[in-house]
Amino acid sequence: MSKFMTLRPRLSEKSYGLSQLRNTYVFDVPSDANKITVAAAVAAQYGVTVKSVNLLNQDGKVKRTVRKGGRSITGTRSDYKKAYVTLNQGESLPIFAALEEEAPAEKKEKK
C-alpha cells in the first residue's frame, strides 16, 4: 500500500518556508493513513530517508451561500489529513524546484 498511497504536496507559502528552514514538507494524505505508512510512501516514491512524520486532522471550513430568495444555507467542506514529513539533513525533494528556477529569471528581466 505504501508505494501506491496518494501524496499530494501542499504548495503554499507556509509549506515553502518550512521546506527551506526545517527541511519539512507538507502533504495531503488519505484519512486512514498513519505515520509508518506515510514514511514508507515518501521513502519509496522519492528515494529519501525520512527523519520524522507528524499528522494533523484538519476540520473542514464552514461556508455559507445565499440561495434564491435571500435564503442562506450553511455547509461544511470535507475534513482532510495533513502530514508534516521531516527529512534527514542534506536531502530534499524537488517539489519547489520549478519555483526556485523562475525566481532568478524574473529578477534579470526587471533589471
PDB file of N, CA and C in Angstrom:
ATOM      1  N   MET A   1       0.816  -1.196   0.000  1.00  0.00           N
ATOM      2  CA  MET A   1       0.000   0.000   0.000  1.00  0.00           C
ATOM      3  C   MET A   1       0.856   1.254   0.000  1.00  0.00           C
ATOM      4  N   SER A   2       2.033   1.214   0.573  1.00  0.00           N
ATOM      5  CA  SER A   2       2.810   2.435   0.751  1.00  0.00           C
ATOM      6  C   SER A   2       3.270   3.046  -0.561  1.00  0.00           C
ATOM      7  N   LYS A   3       3.576   2.209  -1.564  1.00  0.00           N
ATOM      8  CA  LYS A   3       4.027   2.751  -2.835  1.00  0.00           C
ATOM      9  C   LYS A   3       2.892   3.415  -3.602  1.00  0.00           C
ATOM     10  N   PHE A   4       1.665   2.992  -3.341  1.00  0.00           N
ATOM     11  CA  PHE A   4       0.541   3.477  -4.110  1.00  0.00           C
ATOM     12  C   PHE A   4      -0.303   4.495  -3.360  1.00  0.00           C
ATOM     13  N   MET A   5       0.155   4.976  -2.206  1.00  0.00           N
ATOM     14  CA  MET A   5      -0.577   5.987  -1.463  1.00  0.00           C
ATOM     15  C   MET A   5      -0.461   7.327  -2.184  1.00  0.00           C
ATOM     16  N   THR A   6      -1.579   8.027  -2.293  1.00  0.00           N
ATOM     17  CA  THR A   6      -1.537   9.329  -2.958  1.00  0.00           C
ATOM     18  C   THR A   6      -0.990  10.374  -2.005  1.00  0.00           C
ATOM     19  N   LEU A   7       0.127  10.948  -2.380  1.00  0.00           N
ATOM     20  CA  LEU A   7       0.740  12.027  -1.617  1.00  0.00           C
ATOM     21  C   LEU A   7       0.637  13.292  -2.455  1.00  0.00           C
ATOM     22  N   ARG A   8      -0.247  14.202  -2.048  1.00  0.00           N
ATOM     23  CA  ARG A   8      -0.375  15.468  -2.760  1.00  0.00           C
ATOM     24  C   ARG A   8       0.346  16.537  -1.965  1.00  0.00           C
ATOM     25  N   PRO A   9       1.412  17.117  -2.494  1.00  0.00           N
ATOM     26  CA  PRO A   9       2.109  18.163  -1.750  1.00  0.00           C
ATOM     27  C   PRO A   9       1.252  19.422  -1.652  1.00  0.00           C
ATOM     28  N   ARG A  10       1.311  20.070  -0.510  1.00  0.00           N
ATOM     29  CA  ARG A  10       0.605  21.336  -0.310  1.00  0.00           C
ATOM     30  C   ARG A  10       1.548  22.455  -0.705  1.00  0.00           C
ATOM     31  N   LEU A  11       1.188  23.195  -1.736  1.00  0.00           N
ATOM     32  CA  LEU A  11       2.021  24.267  -2.244  1.00  0.00           C
ATOM     33  C   LEU A  11       1.494  25.598  -1.718  1.00  0.00           C
ATOM     34  N   SER A  12       2.080  26.057  -0.621  1.00  0.00           N
ATOM     35  CA  SER A  12       1.688  27.325  -0.022  1.00  0.00           C
ATOM     36  C   SER A  12       2.949  28.019   0.484  1.00  0.00           C
ATOM     37  N   GLU A  13       2.786  29.249   0.900  1.00  0.00           N
ATOM     38  CA  GLU A  13       3.931  29.996   1.427  1.00  0.00           C
ATOM     39  C   GLU A  13       4.452  29.363   2.715  1.00  0.00           C
ATOM     40  N   LYS A  14       3.547  28.889   3.544  1.00  0.00           N
ATOM     41  CA  LYS A  14       3.959  28.269   4.797  1.00  0.00           C
ATOM     42  C   LYS A  14       4.745  26.986   4.542  1.00  0.00           C
ATOM     43  N   SER A  15       4.267  26.148   3.621  1.00  0.00           N
ATOM     44  CA  SER A  15       4.980  24.900   3.344  1.00  0.00           C
ATOM     45  C   SER A  15       6.317  25.167   2.666  1.00  0.00           C
ATOM     46  N   TYR A  16       6.401  26.212   1.828  1.00  0.00           N
ATOM     47  CA  TYR A  16       7.670  26.578   1.205  1.00  0.00           C
ATOM     48  C   TYR A  16       8.674  27.036   2.267  1.00  0.00           C
ATOM     49  N   GLY A  17       8.214  27.826   3.226  1.00  0.00           N
ATOM     50  CA  GLY A  17       9.087  28.277   4.307  1.00  0.00           C
ATOM     51  C   GLY A  17       9.580  27.126   5.167  1.00  0.00           C
ATOM     52  N   LEU A  18       8.695  26.173   5.460  1.00  0.00           N
ATOM     53  CA  LEU A  18       9.102  25.007   6.242  1.00  0.00           C
ATOM     54  C   LEU A  18      10.138  24.166   5.499  1.00  0.00           C
ATOM     55  N   SER A  19       9.987  24.061   4.181  1.00  0.00           N
ATOM     56  CA  SER A  19      10.945  23.263   3.418  1.00  0.00           C
ATOM     57  C   SER A  19      12.312  23.927   3.386  1.00  0.00           C
ATOM     58  N   GLN A  20      12.355  25.249   3.400  1.00  0.00           N
ATOM     59  CA  GLN A  20      13.629  25.956   3.370  1.00  0.00           C
ATOM     60  C   GLN A  20      14.306  25.994   4.741  1.00  0.00           C
ATOM     61  N   LEU A  21      13.528  26.229   5.792  1.00  0.00           N
ATOM     62  CA  LEU A  21      14.106  26.407   7.128  1.00  0.00           C
ATOM     63  C   LEU A  21      14.353  25.103   7.870  1.00  0.00           C
ATOM     64  N   ARG A  22      13.385  24.182   7.809  1.00  0.00           N
ATOM     65  CA  ARG A  22      13.453  22.986   8.648  1.00  0.00           C
ATOM     66  C   ARG A  22      13.521  21.684   7.874  1.00  0.00           C
ATOM     67  N   ASN A  23      13.587  21.759   6.540  1.00  0.00           N
ATOM     68  CA  ASN A  23      13.634  20.567   5.695  1.00  0.00           C
ATOM     69  C   ASN A  23      12.398  19.686   5.938  1.00  0.00           C
ATOM     70  N   THR A  24      11.238  20.358   6.107  1.00  0.00           N
ATOM     71  CA  THR A  24       9.969  19.685   6.361  1.00  0.00           C
ATOM     72  C   THR A  24       9.026  19.949   5.202  1.00  0.00           C
ATOM     73  N   TYR A  25       8.395  18.902   4.687  1.00  0.00           N
ATOM     74  CA  TYR A  25       7.480  19.011   3.563  1.00  0.00           C
ATOM     75  C   TYR A  25       6.086  18.611   4.007  1.00  0.00           C
ATOM     76  N   VAL A  26       5.068  19.261   3.438  1.00  0.00           N
ATOM     77  CA  VAL A  26       3.682  19.051   3.849  1.00  0.00           C
ATOM     78  C   VAL A  26       2.929  18.355   2.716  1.00  0.00           C
ATOM     79  N   PHE A  27       2.208  17.287   3.056  1.00  0.00           N
ATOM     80  CA  PHE A  27       1.448  16.510   2.082  1.00  0.00           C
ATOM     81  C   PHE A  27       0.022  16.332   2.566  1.00  0.00           C
ATOM     82  N   ASP A  28      -0.931  16.256   1.621  1.00  0.00           N
ATOM     83  CA  ASP A  28      -2.282  15.791   1.910  1.00  0.00           C
ATOM     84  C   ASP A  28      -2.278  14.286   1.746  1.00  0.00           C
ATOM     85  N   VAL A  29      -2.753  13.575   2.748  1.00  0.00           N
ATOM     86  CA  VAL A  29      -2.738  12.111   2.719  1.00  0.00           C
ATOM     87  C   VAL A  29      -4.149  11.595   2.974  1.00  0.00           C
ATOM     88  N   PRO A  30      -4.423  10.330   2.658  1.00  0.00           N
ATOM     89  CA  PRO A  30      -5.744   9.759   2.951  1.00  0.00           C
ATOM     90  C   PRO A  30      -6.023   9.754   4.454  1.00  0.00           C
ATOM     91  N   SER A  31      -7.291   9.775   4.804  1.00  0.00           N
ATOM     92  CA  SER A  31      -7.661   9.877   6.215  1.00  0.00           C
ATOM     93  C   SER A  31      -7.328   8.621   7.010  1.00  0.00           C
ATOM     94  N   ASP A  32      -7.115   7.478   6.347  1.00  0.00           N
ATOM     95  CA  ASP A  32      -6.795   6.256   7.068  1.00  0.00           C
ATOM     96  C   ASP A  32      -5.283   6.012   7.162  1.00  0.00           C
ATOM     97  N   ALA A  33      -4.460   6.952   6.732  1.00  0.00           N
ATOM     98  CA  ALA A  33      -3.003   6.786   6.772  1.00  0.00           C
ATOM     99  C   ALA A  33      -2.474   6.981   8.188  1.00  0.00           C
ATOM    100  N   ASN A  34      -1.359   6.299   8.481  1.00  0.00           N
ATOM    101  CA  ASN A  34      -0.684   6.505   9.756  1.00  0.00           C
ATOM    102  C   ASN A  34       0.769   6.906   9.482  1.00  0.00           C
ATOM    103  N   LYS A  35       1.527   7.190  10.531  1.00  0.00           N
ATOM    104  CA  LYS A  35       2.884   7.695  10.373  1.00  0.00           C
ATOM    105  C   LYS A  35       3.790   6.712   9.641  1.00  0.00           C
ATOM    106  N   ILE A  36       3.639   5.445   9.936  1.00  0.00           N
ATOM    107  CA  ILE A  36       4.519   4.435   9.343  1.00  0.00           C
ATOM    108  C   ILE A  36       4.266   4.321   7.842  1.00  0.00           C
ATOM    109  N   THR A  37       2.998   4.306   7.432  1.00  0.00           N
ATOM    110  CA  THR A  37       2.702   4.183   6.006  1.00  0.00           C
ATOM    111  C   THR A  37       3.091   5.446   5.241  1.00  0.00           C
ATOM    112  N   VAL A  38       2.941   6.611   5.854  1.00  0.00           N
ATOM    113  CA  VAL A  38       3.343   7.858   5.196  1.00  0.00           C
ATOM    114  C   VAL A  38       4.856   7.890   5.005  1.00  0.00           C
ATOM    115  N   ALA A  39       5.606   7.512   6.033  1.00  0.00           N
ATOM    116  CA  ALA A  39       7.068   7.494   5.929  1.00  0.00           C
ATOM    117  C   ALA A  39       7.531   6.509   4.863  1.00  0.00           C
ATOM    118  N   ALA A  40       6.894   5.351   4.803  1.00  0.00           N
ATOM    119  CA  ALA A  40       7.267   4.357   3.795  1.00  0.00           C
ATOM    120  C   ALA A  40       6.926   4.837   2.394  1.00  0.00           C
ATOM    121  N   ALA A  41       5.788   5.521   2.238  1.00  0.00           N
ATOM    122  CA  ALA A  41       5.387   6.019   0.917  1.00  0.00           C
ATOM    123  C   ALA A  41       6.332   7.114   0.424  1.00  0.00           C
ATOM    124  N   VAL A  42       6.727   8.028   1.285  1.00  0.00           N
ATOM    125  CA  VAL A  42       7.651   9.097   0.886  1.00  0.00           C
ATOM    126  C   VAL A  42       9.012   8.508   0.529  1.00  0.00           C
ATOM    127  N   ALA A  43       9.477   7.559   1.336  1.00  0.00           N
ATOM    128  CA  ALA A  43      10.768   6.928   1.060  1.00  0.00           C
ATOM    129  C   ALA A  43      10.740   6.156  -0.257  1.00  0.00           C
ATOM    130  N   ALA A  44       9.633   5.473  -0.549  1.00  0.00           N
ATOM    131  CA  ALA A  44       9.543   4.680  -1.774  1.00  0.00           C
ATOM    132  C   ALA A  44       9.377   5.548  -3.011  1.00  0.00           C
ATOM    133  N   GLN A  45       8.564   6.598  -2.920  1.00  0.00           N
ATOM    134  CA  GLN A  45       8.275   7.410  -4.096  1.00  0.00           C
ATOM    135  C   GLN A  45       9.383   8.398  -4.433  1.00  0.00           C
ATOM    136  N   TYR A  46      10.061   8.936  -3.427  1.00  0.00           N
ATOM    137  CA  TYR A  46      11.072   9.958  -3.679  1.00  0.00           C
ATOM    138  C   TYR A  46      12.500   9.478  -3.441  1.00  0.00           C
ATOM    139  N   GLY A  47      12.692   8.327  -2.834  1.00  0.00           N
ATOM    140  CA  GLY A  47      14.024   7.792  -2.609  1.00  0.00           C
ATOM    141  C   GLY A  47      14.843   8.579  -1.592  1.00  0.00           C
ATOM    142  N   VAL A  48      14.209   9.023  -0.512  1.00  0.00           N
ATOM    143  CA  VAL A  48      14.882   9.782   0.541  1.00  0.00           C
ATOM    144  C   VAL A  48      14.693   9.065   1.876  1.00  0.00           C
ATOM    145  N   THR A  49      15.446   9.501   2.883  1.00  0.00           N
ATOM    146  CA  THR A  49      15.322   8.953   4.228  1.00  0.00           C
ATOM    147  C   THR A  49      14.493   9.901   5.080  1.00  0.00           C
ATOM    148  N   VAL A  50      13.444   9.391   5.682  1.00  0.00           N
ATOM    149  CA  VAL A  50      12.528  10.192   6.488  1.00  0.00           C
ATOM    150  C   VAL A  50      12.991  10.190   7.932  1.00  0.00           C
ATOM    151  N   LYS A  51      13.104  11.384   8.515  1.00  0.00           N
ATOM    152  CA  LYS A  51      13.518  11.518   9.912  1.00  0.00           C
ATOM    153  C   LYS A  51      12.319  11.409  10.854  1.00  0.00           C
ATOM    154  N   SER A  52      11.239  12.148  10.563  1.00  0.00           N
ATOM    155  CA  SER A  52      10.041  12.070  11.401  1.00  0.00           C
ATOM    156  C   SER A  52       8.809  12.452  10.590  1.00  0.00           C
ATOM    157  N   VAL A  53       7.645  12.041  11.094  1.00  0.00           N
ATOM    158  CA  VAL A  53       6.365  12.344  10.466  1.00  0.00           C
ATOM    159  C   VAL A  53       5.401  12.797  11.557  1.00  0.00           C
ATOM    160  N   ASN A  54       4.728  13.922  11.330  1.00  0.00           N
ATOM    161  CA  ASN A  54       3.666  14.398  12.208  1.00  0.00           C
ATOM    162  C   ASN A  54       2.395  14.496  11.384  1.00  0.00           C
ATOM    163  N   LEU A  55       1.271  14.017  11.944  1.00  0.00           N
ATOM    164  CA  LEU A  55      -0.004  14.033  11.252  1.00  0.00           C
ATOM    165  C   LEU A  55      -0.957  15.010  11.909  1.00  0.00           C
ATOM    166  N   LEU A  56      -1.836  15.596  11.085  1.00  0.00           N
ATOM    167  CA  LEU A  56      -2.798  16.573  11.568  1.00  0.00           C
ATOM    168  C   LEU A  56      -4.135  16.315  10.891  1.00  0.00           C
ATOM    169  N   ASN A  57      -5.191  16.124  11.683  1.00  0.00           N
ATOM    170  CA  ASN A  57      -6.547  16.012  11.149  1.00  0.00           C
ATOM    171  C   ASN A  57      -7.142  17.409  11.107  1.00  0.00           C
ATOM    172  N   GLN A  58      -7.371  17.918   9.906  1.00  0.00           N
ATOM    173  CA  GLN A  58      -7.881  19.276   9.727  1.00  0.00           C
ATOM    174  C   GLN A  58      -9.382  19.219   9.471  1.00  0.00           C
ATOM    175  N   ASP A  59     -10.152  19.941  10.282  1.00  0.00           N
ATOM    176  CA  ASP A  59     -11.591  20.006  10.085  1.00  0.00           C
ATOM    177  C   ASP A  59     -11.906  20.906   8.894  1.00  0.00           C
ATOM    178  N   GLY A  60     -12.968  20.574   8.172  1.00  0.00           N
ATOM    179  CA  GLY A  60     -13.390  21.379   7.034  1.00  0.00           C
ATOM    180  C   GLY A  60     -13.972  22.706   7.496  1.00  0.00           C
ATOM    181  N   LYS A  61     -13.790  23.729   6.662  1.00  0.00           N
ATOM    182  CA  LYS A  61     -14.306  25.052   6.999  1.00  0.00           C
ATOM    183  C   LYS A  61     -15.821  25.102   6.800  1.00  0.00           C
ATOM    184  N   VAL A  62     -16.476  25.919   7.611  1.00  0.00           N
ATOM    185  CA  VAL A  62     -17.900  26.155   7.456  1.00  0.00           C
ATOM    186  C   VAL A  62     -18.062  27.279   6.441  1.00  0.00           C
ATOM    187  N   LYS A  63     -18.842  27.020   5.403  1.00  0.00           N
ATOM    188  CA  LYS A  63     -19.071  28.017   4.356  1.00  0.00           C
ATOM    189  C   LYS A  63     -20.564  28.298   4.230  1.00  0.00           C
ATOM    190  N   ARG A  64     -20.888  29.531   3.854  1.00  0.00           N
ATOM    191  CA  ARG A  64     -22.275  29.936   3.723  1.00  0.00           C
ATOM    192  C   ARG A  64     -22.527  30.426   2.306  1.00  0.00           C
ATOM    193  N   THR A  65     -23.640  30.038   1.734  1.00  0.00           N
ATOM    194  CA  THR A  65     -24.054  30.522   0.425  1.00  0.00           C
ATOM    195  C   THR A  65     -25.451  31.098   0.534  1.00  0.00           C
ATOM    196  N   VAL A  66     -25.765  31.979  -0.388  1.00  0.00           N
ATOM    197  CA  VAL A  66     -27.090  32.586  -0.409  1.00  0.00           C
ATOM    198  C   VAL A  66     -27.846  32.028  -1.602  1.00  0.00           C
ATOM    199  N   ARG A  67     -29.009  31.472  -1.341  1.00  0.00           N
ATOM    200  CA  ARG A  67     -29.842  30.881  -2.385  1.00  0.00           C
ATOM    201  C   ARG A  67     -30.847  31.912  -2.914  1.00  0.00           C
ATOM    202  N   LYS A  68     -31.623  31.472  -3.862  1.00  0.00           N
ATOM    203  CA  LYS A  68     -32.655  32.326  -4.448  1.00  0.00           C
ATOM    204  C   LYS A  68     -33.651  32.743  -3.368  1.00  0.00           C
ATOM    205  N   GLY A  69     -34.019  33.983  -3.387  1.00  0.00           N
ATOM    206  CA  GLY A  69     -34.969  34.472  -2.393  1.00  0.00           C
ATOM    207  C   GLY A  69     -34.286  34.965  -1.135  1.00  0.00           C
ATOM    208  N   GLY A  70     -32.961  35.002  -1.104  1.00  0.00           N
ATOM    209  CA  GLY A  70     -32.243  35.523   0.047  1.00  0.00           C
ATOM    210  C   GLY A  70     -32.036  34.537   1.172  1.00  0.00           C
ATOM    211  N   ARG A  71     -32.323  33.255   0.930  1.00  0.00           N
ATOM    212  CA  ARG A  71     -32.141  32.260   1.977  1.00  0.00           C
ATOM    213  C   ARG A  71     -30.665  31.879   2.058  1.00  0.00           C
ATOM    214  N   SER A  72     -30.110  31.869   3.238  1.00  0.00           N
ATOM    215  CA  SER A  72     -28.716  31.453   3.389  1.00  0.00           C
ATOM    216  C   SER A  72     -28.658  30.009   3.862  1.00  0.00           C
ATOM    217  N   ILE A  73     -27.742  29.267   3.281  1.00  0.00           N
ATOM    218  CA  ILE A  73     -27.564  27.863   3.621  1.00  0.00           C
ATOM    219  C   ILE A  73     -26.106  27.674   4.021  1.00  0.00           C
ATOM    220  N   THR A  74     -25.900  27.001   5.147  1.00  0.00           N
ATOM    221  CA  THR A  74     -24.536  26.740   5.591  1.00  0.00           C
ATOM    222  C   THR A  74     -24.184  25.282   5.340  1.00  0.00           C
ATOM    223  N   GLY A  75     -22.939  25.072   5.031  1.00  0.00           N
ATOM    224  CA  GLY A  75     -22.436  23.729   4.811  1.00  0.00           C
ATOM    225  C   GLY A  75     -20.979  23.684   5.224  1.00  0.00           C
ATOM    226  N   THR A  76     -20.414  22.511   5.224  1.00  0.00           N
ATOM    227  CA  THR A  76     -19.009  22.382   5.584  1.00  0.00           C
ATOM    228  C   THR A  76     -18.254  21.681   4.469  1.00  0.00           C
ATOM    229  N   ARG A  77     -17.007  22.091   4.297  1.00  0.00           N
ATOM    230  CA  ARG A  77     -16.134  21.384   3.382  1.00  0.00           C
ATOM    231  C   ARG A  77     -15.689  20.089   4.049  1.00  0.00           C
ATOM    232  N   SER A  78     -15.191  19.165   3.273  1.00  0.00           N
ATOM    233  CA  SER A  78     -14.817  17.874   3.844  1.00  0.00           C
ATOM    234  C   SER A  78     -13.538  17.989   4.664  1.00  0.00           C
ATOM    235  N   ASP A  79     -13.423  17.134   5.668  1.00  0.00           N
ATOM    236  CA  ASP A  79     -12.232  17.087   6.505  1.00  0.00           C
ATOM    237  C   ASP A  79     -11.103  16.428   5.724  1.00  0.00           C
ATOM    238  N   TYR A  80      -9.857  16.738   6.096  1.00  0.00           N
ATOM    239  CA  TYR A  80      -8.711  16.122   5.440  1.00  0.00           C
ATOM    240  C   TYR A  80      -7.574  15.960   6.431  1.00  0.00           C
ATOM    241  N   LYS A  81      -6.575  15.198   6.036  1.00  0.00           N
ATOM    242  CA  LYS A  81      -5.435  14.909   6.897  1.00  0.00           C
ATOM    243  C   LYS A  81      -4.167  15.418   6.227  1.00  0.00           C
ATOM    244  N   LYS A  82      -3.312  16.096   7.009  1.00  0.00           N
ATOM    245  CA  LYS A  82      -2.044  16.601   6.512  1.00  0.00           C
ATOM    246  C   LYS A  82      -0.912  15.853   7.204  1.00  0.00           C
ATOM    247  N   ALA A  83       0.190  15.683   6.476  1.00  0.00           N
ATOM    248  CA  ALA A  83       1.372  15.040   7.041  1.00  0.00           C
ATOM    249  C   ALA A  83       2.557  15.990   6.898  1.00  0.00           C
ATOM    250  N   TYR A  84       3.220  16.269   7.996  1.00  0.00           N
ATOM    251  CA  TYR A  84       4.447  17.063   8.002  1.00  0.00           C
ATOM    252  C   TYR A  84       5.610  16.074   8.061  1.00  0.00           C
ATOM    253  N   VAL A  85       6.350  15.971   6.958  1.00  0.00           N
ATOM    254  CA  VAL A  85       7.421  14.979   6.828  1.00  0.00           C
ATOM    255  C   VAL A  85       8.760  15.704   6.890  1.00  0.00           C
ATOM    256  N   THR A  86       9.582  15.355   7.883  1.00  0.00           N
ATOM    257  CA  THR A  86      10.911  15.926   8.020  1.00  0.00           C
ATOM    258  C   THR A  86      11.928  14.929   7.480  1.00  0.00           C
ATOM    259  N   LEU A  87      12.807  15.416   6.608  1.00  0.00           N
ATOM    260  CA  LEU A  87      13.825  14.571   6.004  1.00  0.00           C
ATOM    261  C   LEU A  87      15.150  14.738   6.728  1.00  0.00           C
ATOM    262  N   ASN A  88      16.046  13.767   6.527  1.00  0.00           N
ATOM    263  CA  ASN A  88      17.385  13.869   7.103  1.00  0.00           C
ATOM    264  C   ASN A  88      18.122  15.056   6.489  1.00  0.00           C
ATOM    265  N   GLN A  89      19.117  15.526   7.216  1.00  0.00           N
ATOM    266  CA  GLN A  89      19.879  16.691   6.765  1.00  0.00           C
ATOM    267  C   GLN A  89      20.624  16.365   5.468  1.00  0.00           C
ATOM    268  N   GLY A  90      20.589  17.304   4.531  1.00  0.00           N
ATOM    269  CA  GLY A  90      21.264  17.115   3.256  1.00  0.00           C
ATOM    270  C   GLY A  90      20.389  16.539   2.166  1.00  0.00           C
ATOM    271  N   GLU A  91      19.166  16.118   2.485  1.00  0.00           N
ATOM    272  CA  GLU A  91      18.252  15.566   1.495  1.00  0.00           C
ATOM    273  C   GLU A  91      17.118  16.553   1.252  1.00  0.00           C
ATOM    274  N   SER A  92      16.584  16.535   0.043  1.00  0.00           N
ATOM    275  CA  SER A  92      15.477  17.426  -0.281  1.00  0.00           C
ATOM    276  C   SER A  92      14.605  16.781  -1.351  1.00  0.00           C
ATOM    277  N   LEU A  93      13.434  17.363  -1.552  1.00  0.00           N
ATOM    278  CA  LEU A  93      12.504  16.905  -2.577  1.00  0.00           C
ATOM    279  C   LEU A  93      12.396  17.973  -3.661  1.00  0.00           C
ATOM    280  N   PRO A  94      12.166  17.573  -4.905  1.00  0.00           N
ATOM    281  CA  PRO A  94      12.100  18.549  -5.999  1.00  0.00           C
ATOM    282  C   PRO A  94      10.731  19.206  -6.155  1.00  0.00           C
ATOM    283  N   ILE A  95       9.995  19.374  -5.076  1.00  0.00           N
ATOM    284  CA  ILE A  95       8.642  19.925  -5.166  1.00  0.00           C
ATOM    285  C   ILE A  95       8.681  21.403  -5.558  1.00  0.00           C
ATOM    286  N   PHE A  96       9.535  22.187  -4.917  1.00  0.00           N
ATOM    287  CA  PHE A  96       9.593  23.620  -5.168  1.00  0.00           C
ATOM    288  C   PHE A  96      10.721  23.992  -6.119  1.00  0.00           C
ATOM    289  N   ALA A  97      11.297  23.037  -6.836  1.00  0.00           N
ATOM    290  CA  ALA A  97      12.432  23.314  -7.722  1.00  0.00           C
ATOM    291  C   ALA A  97      12.043  24.252  -8.858  1.00  0.00           C
ATOM    292  N   ALA A  98      10.865  24.101  -9.424  1.00  0.00           N
ATOM    293  CA  ALA A  98      10.437  24.957 -10.534  1.00  0.00           C
ATOM    294  C   ALA A  98      10.250  26.397 -10.071  1.00  0.00           C
ATOM    295  N   LEU A  99       9.777  26.586  -8.846  1.00  0.00           N
ATOM    296  CA  LEU A  99       9.594  27.938  -8.327  1.00  0.00           C
ATOM    297  C   LEU A  99      10.930  28.632  -8.115  1.00  0.00           C
ATOM    298  N   GLU A 100      11.934  27.908  -7.670  1.00  0.00           N
ATOM    299  CA  GLU A 100      13.241  28.495  -7.428  1.00  0.00           C
ATOM    300  C   GLU A 100      13.947  28.843  -8.732  1.00  0.00           C
ATOM    301  N   GLU A 101      13.690  28.090  -9.801  1.00  0.00           N
ATOM    302  CA  GLU A 101      14.309  28.383 -11.087  1.00  0.00           C
ATOM    303  C   GLU A 101      13.687  29.618 -11.736  1.00  0.00           C
ATOM    304  N   GLU A 102      12.396  29.857 -11.525  1.00  0.00           N
ATOM    305  CA  GLU A 102      11.734  31.006 -12.117  1.00  0.00           C
ATOM    306  C   GLU A 102      12.126  32.310 -11.436  1.00  0.00           C
ATOM    307  N   ALA A 103      12.435  32.278 -10.160  1.00  0.00           N
ATOM    308  CA  ALA A 103      12.743  33.498  -9.414  1.00  0.00           C
ATOM    309  C   ALA A 103      13.964  34.241  -9.966  1.00  0.00           C
ATOM    310  N   PRO A 104      15.115  33.623 -10.251  1.00  0.00           N
ATOM    311  CA  PRO A 104      16.242  34.370 -10.809  1.00  0.00           C
ATOM    312  C   PRO A 104      15.946  34.936 -12.201  1.00  0.00           C
ATOM    313  N   ALA A 105      15.135  34.265 -12.999  1.00  0.00           N
ATOM    314  CA  ALA A 105      14.809  34.754 -14.319  1.00  0.00           C
ATOM    315  C   ALA A 105      13.968  36.028 -14.231  1.00  0.00           C
ATOM    316  N   GLU A 106      13.098  36.110 -13.258  1.00  0.00           N
ATOM    317  CA  GLU A 106      12.271  37.311 -13.079  1.00  0.00           C
ATOM    318  C   GLU A 106      13.119  38.486 -12.635  1.00  0.00           C
ATOM    319  N   LYS A 107      14.116  38.260 -11.802  1.00  0.00           N
ATOM    320  CA  LYS A 107      14.982  39.349 -11.333  1.00  0.00           C
ATOM    321  C   LYS A 107      15.798  39.918 -12.482  1.00  0.00           C
ATOM    322  N   LYS A 108      16.246  39.074 -13.387  1.00  0.00           N
ATOM    323  CA  LYS A 108      17.030  39.545 -14.530  1.00  0.00           C
ATOM    324  C   LYS A 108      16.176  40.376 -15.472  1.00  0.00           C
ATOM    325  N   GLU A 109      14.896  40.032 -15.630  1.00  0.00           N
ATOM    326  CA  GLU A 109      14.021  40.770 -16.521  1.00  0.00           C
ATOM    327  C   GLU A 109      13.719  42.149 -15.969  1.00  0.00           C
ATOM    328  N   LYS A 110      13.649  42.299 -14.652  1.00  0.00           N
ATOM    329  CA  LYS A 110      13.352  43.604 -14.053  1.00  0.00           C
ATOM    330  C   LYS A 110      14.498  44.581 -14.214  1.00  0.00           C
ATOM    331  N   LYS A 111      15.729  44.090 -14.276  1.00  0.00           N
ATOM    332  CA  LYS A 111      16.885  44.994 -14.400  1.00  0.00           C
ATOM    333  C   LYS A 111      17.014  45.505 -15.771  1.00  0.00           C
TER     334      LYS A 111
END
